[in-house]
Amino acid sequence: GCTFSAAVTAELANGSDVKEAIYAAKEFITAAIKGSFQLNEYIGPTKHSAHRFDK
């Protein structure tokens, strides 16, 4: 939740409208989850830099 809301806020601050900001935040958090380090089968931190390499 915190990472997603921060991504939406950052997109809004960069001039995106609400719909664009939510779409970009969804892409960001999806990449961050896919690139995350799993501590076990249930939890692990998101990789906030993953979007840079997920193109």
C-alpha atoms as a PDB file:
ATOM      1  CA  GLY A   1       0.000   0.000   0.000  1.00  0.00           C
ATOM      2  CA  CYS A   2       2.701   2.511   0.915  1.00  0.00           C
ATOM      3  CA  THR A   3       4.763   1.862  -2.211  1.00  0.00           C
ATOM      4  CA  PHE A   4       1.707   2.063  -4.459  1.00  0.00           C
ATOM      5  CA  SER A   5       0.441   5.309  -2.918  1.00  0.00           C
ATOM      6  CA  ALA A   6       3.927   6.844  -3.109  1.00  0.00           C
ATOM      7  CA  ALA A   7       4.126   5.908  -6.792  1.00  0.00           C
ATOM      8  CA  VAL A   8       0.717   7.494  -7.473  1.00  0.00           C
ATOM      9  CA  THR A   9       1.771  10.649  -5.621  1.00  0.00           C
ATOM     10  CA  ALA A  10       5.047  10.847  -7.549  1.00  0.00           C
ATOM     11  CA  GLU A  11       3.230  10.507 -10.866  1.00  0.00           C
ATOM     12  CA  LEU A  12       0.729  13.213  -9.885  1.00  0.00           C
ATOM     13  CA  ALA A  13       3.613  15.494  -8.880  1.00  0.00           C
ATOM     14  CA  ASN A  14       5.158  14.899 -12.308  1.00  0.00           C
ATOM     15  CA  GLY A  15       1.993  16.155 -14.003  1.00  0.00           C
ATOM     16  CA  SER A  16       0.098  12.948 -14.780  1.00  0.00           C
ATOM     17  CA  ASP A  17      -3.662  12.962 -14.421  1.00  0.00           C
ATOM     18  CA  VAL A  18      -5.206  10.599 -11.867  1.00  0.00           C
ATOM     19  CA  LYS A  19      -5.941   7.789 -14.330  1.00  0.00           C
ATOM     20  CA  GLU A  20      -2.415   7.902 -15.803  1.00  0.00           C
ATOM     21  CA  ALA A  21      -0.882   8.046 -12.313  1.00  0.00           C
ATOM     22  CA  ILE A  22      -2.757   4.957 -11.157  1.00  0.00           C
ATOM     23  CA  TYR A  23      -1.842   3.036 -14.319  1.00  0.00           C
ATOM     24  CA  ALA A  24       1.853   3.957 -13.976  1.00  0.00           C
ATOM     25  CA  ALA A  25       1.835   3.062 -10.268  1.00  0.00           C
ATOM     26  CA  LYS A  26       0.299  -0.324 -11.082  1.00  0.00           C
ATOM     27  CA  GLU A  27       3.066  -1.004 -13.614  1.00  0.00           C
ATOM     28  CA  PHE A  28       5.666   0.131 -11.084  1.00  0.00           C
ATOM     29  CA  ILE A  29       4.418  -2.037  -8.225  1.00  0.00           C
ATOM     30  CA  THR A  30       3.958  -5.050 -10.514  1.00  0.00           C
ATOM     31  CA  ALA A  31       7.617  -4.812 -11.585  1.00  0.00           C
ATOM     32  CA  ALA A  32       8.692  -4.264  -7.968  1.00  0.00           C
ATOM     33  CA  ILE A  33       6.853  -7.390  -6.818  1.00  0.00           C
ATOM     34  CA  LYS A  34       8.134  -9.506  -9.725  1.00  0.00           C
ATOM     35  CA  GLY A  35      11.698  -8.427  -8.971  1.00  0.00           C
ATOM     36  CA  SER A  36      11.397  -8.861  -5.225  1.00  0.00           C
ATOM     37  CA  PHE A  37      13.605 -10.953  -2.990  1.00  0.00           C
ATOM     38  CA  GLN A  38      11.619 -13.683  -1.287  1.00  0.00           C
ATOM     39  CA  LEU A  39      12.549 -14.353   2.310  1.00  0.00           C
ATOM     40  CA  ASN A  40      10.260 -17.381   2.245  1.00  0.00           C
ATOM     41  CA  GLU A  41       7.295 -18.518   0.167  1.00  0.00           C
ATOM     42  CA  TYR A  42       5.051 -15.818   1.658  1.00  0.00           C
ATOM     43  CA  ILE A  43       6.998 -12.603   2.209  1.00  0.00           C
ATOM     44  CA  GLY A  44       9.812 -10.491   0.860  1.00  0.00           C
ATOM     45  CA  PRO A  45      10.618  -6.833   0.211  1.00  0.00           C
ATOM     46  CA  THR A  46       9.723  -5.239  -3.106  1.00  0.00           C
ATOM     47  CA  LYS A  47      12.528  -4.223  -5.463  1.00  0.00           C
ATOM     48  CA  HIS A  48      11.922  -0.524  -6.075  1.00  0.00           C
ATOM     49  CA  SER A  49      14.479  -0.319  -8.894  1.00  0.00           C
ATOM     50  CA  ALA A  50      12.940  -3.205 -10.869  1.00  0.00           C
ATOM     51  CA  HIS A  51      10.983  -0.895 -13.209  1.00  0.00           C
ATOM     52  CA  ARG A  52      14.277   0.376 -14.634  1.00  0.00           C
ATOM     53  CA  PHE A  53      15.128  -3.083 -15.921  1.00  0.00           C
ATOM     54  CA  ASP A  54      11.629  -4.380 -16.732  1.00  0.00           C
ATOM     55  CA  LYS A  55      11.315  -2.761 -20.160  1.00  0.00           C
END
